[in-house]
Amino acid sequence: GRAGGIGILAAMAAVDGIVAETVRAGALAGIAGSSVLLFAVGATVGAAIAWASLKGDDPGRVGGALYAADLVGGAVGALLASLFLVPAFGLIATAYLVALWTLAALPLAETGAA
């Protein structure tokens, strides 16, 4: 139910916050550290798509639409972050902004809109 969606969004925000903190602390150690964080992000996105697919009449259509939105959002987000946000605010502040943006989606899960 809604608790599952809220939990998934909270986990996404937590992963974003962990990324910001590990970058700030200089603890992101090469490929190994990056791989663990990328795995965590991928797992939360996959969980969000699976959770949302359970809510519709056609899980394939819902999951496919969300996956497409994730791909487009990832491309737009990468361009936005690399061209504007990181140069303007720095890597750490941008990571915190992403965590806050994810937390801002929590009310959507509470209302069932997410």
Protein backbone atom coordinates (compact mmCIF):
# COMPACT_ATOMS: atom_id res chain seq x y z
CA GLY A 1 0.00 0.00 0.00
CA ARG A 2 0.98 3.58 0.59
CA ALA A 3 3.47 2.59 3.28
CA GLY A 4 5.45 0.66 0.68
CA GLY A 5 5.67 3.68 -1.60
CA ILE A 6 6.63 5.95 1.27
CA GLY A 7 9.29 3.48 2.36
CA ILE A 8 10.74 3.24 -1.13
CA LEU A 9 10.89 7.03 -1.53
CA ALA A 10 12.44 7.37 1.91
CA ALA A 11 15.05 4.76 0.94
CA MET A 12 15.80 6.70 -2.26
CA ALA A 13 16.25 9.91 -0.26
CA ALA A 14 18.49 8.07 2.21
CA VAL A 15 20.67 6.74 -0.61
CA ASP A 16 20.91 10.25 -2.05
CA GLY A 17 21.93 11.58 1.36
CA ILE A 18 24.52 8.82 1.77
CA VAL A 19 25.98 9.73 -1.62
CA ALA A 20 26.23 13.37 -0.56
CA GLU A 21 27.89 12.46 2.74
CA THR A 22 30.38 10.02 1.23
CA VAL A 23 31.39 12.58 -1.39
CA ARG A 24 31.67 15.30 1.26
CA ALA A 25 33.82 13.09 3.48
CA GLY A 26 36.01 11.99 0.56
CA ALA A 27 35.10 8.37 1.31
CA LEU A 28 33.84 7.45 -2.15
CA ALA A 29 36.66 5.09 -3.05
CA GLY A 30 36.85 4.52 -6.78
CA ILE A 31 34.95 1.84 -8.62
CA ALA A 32 34.10 -0.26 -5.56
CA GLY A 33 32.43 2.59 -3.67
CA SER A 34 30.67 3.87 -6.76
CA SER A 35 29.41 0.39 -7.63
CA VAL A 36 27.81 -0.13 -4.22
CA LEU A 37 26.02 3.24 -4.40
CA LEU A 38 24.86 2.67 -7.99
CA PHE A 39 23.54 -0.76 -7.00
CA ALA A 40 21.58 0.81 -4.12
CA VAL A 41 20.08 3.46 -6.40
CA GLY A 42 19.16 0.85 -9.02
CA ALA A 43 17.55 -1.37 -6.40
CA THR A 44 15.35 1.43 -5.07
CA VAL A 45 14.25 2.47 -8.56
CA GLY A 46 13.45 -1.15 -9.42
CA ALA A 47 11.48 -1.48 -6.20
CA ALA A 48 9.53 1.70 -6.96
CA ILE A 49 8.61 0.45 -10.45
CA ALA A 50 7.57 -2.96 -9.09
CA TRP A 51 5.49 -1.35 -6.33
CA ALA A 52 3.71 0.99 -8.74
CA SER A 53 3.06 -1.88 -11.18
CA LEU A 54 1.03 -3.65 -8.50
CA LYS A 55 -1.42 -0.75 -8.36
CA GLY A 56 -2.68 -0.80 -11.95
CA ASP A 57 -4.87 -3.06 -14.03
CA ASP A 58 -2.08 -3.63 -16.56
CA PRO A 59 1.23 -4.07 -14.71
CA GLY A 60 3.21 -4.25 -17.95
CA ARG A 61 1.88 -0.93 -19.16
CA VAL A 62 2.42 0.77 -15.79
CA GLY A 63 5.91 -0.68 -15.36
CA GLY A 64 6.89 0.14 -18.93
CA ALA A 65 5.67 3.73 -18.64
CA LEU A 66 7.54 4.22 -15.37
CA TYR A 67 10.70 2.67 -16.79
CA ALA A 68 10.49 4.99 -19.80
CA ALA A 69 9.95 7.97 -17.49
CA ASP A 70 12.96 6.85 -15.43
CA LEU A 71 15.16 6.72 -18.54
CA VAL A 72 14.03 10.14 -19.79
CA GLY A 73 14.31 11.62 -16.30
CA GLY A 74 17.79 10.16 -15.90
CA ALA A 75 18.93 11.67 -19.19
CA VAL A 76 17.42 15.07 -18.43
CA GLY A 77 18.74 14.95 -14.85
CA ALA A 78 22.25 14.07 -16.01
CA LEU A 79 22.27 16.98 -18.44
CA LEU A 80 20.78 19.39 -15.93
CA ALA A 81 23.20 18.34 -13.19
CA SER A 82 26.33 18.32 -15.33
CA LEU A 83 25.63 21.51 -17.26
CA PHE A 84 23.98 23.68 -14.60
CA LEU A 85 23.68 22.38 -11.05
CA VAL A 86 27.20 21.07 -10.38
CA PRO A 87 28.92 24.11 -11.95
CA ALA A 88 26.62 26.49 -10.05
CA PHE A 89 26.44 24.77 -6.64
CA GLY A 90 29.16 22.11 -6.57
CA LEU A 91 28.87 18.35 -6.37
CA ILE A 92 28.00 18.08 -2.67
CA ALA A 93 25.24 20.72 -2.72
CA THR A 94 23.80 19.15 -5.86
CA ALA A 95 23.69 15.73 -4.15
CA TYR A 96 21.83 17.27 -1.21
CA LEU A 97 19.41 18.98 -3.62
CA VAL A 98 18.64 15.60 -5.19
CA ALA A 99 17.94 14.14 -1.72
CA LEU A 100 15.60 17.04 -0.92
CA TRP A 101 13.85 16.67 -4.29
CA THR A 102 13.23 12.99 -3.53
CA LEU A 103 11.84 13.84 -0.09
CA ALA A 104 9.54 16.36 -1.76
CA ALA A 105 7.88 13.42 -3.56
CA LEU A 106 6.77 11.80 -0.28
CA PRO A 107 3.39 13.57 -0.22
CA LEU A 108 2.65 12.01 -3.63
CA ALA A 109 3.08 8.54 -2.17
CA GLU A 110 0.92 9.42 0.82
CA THR A 111 -1.94 10.51 -1.43
CA GLY A 112 -1.53 7.53 -3.72
CA ALA A 113 -0.60 9.74 -6.69
CA ALA A 114 2.91 8.31 -6.94
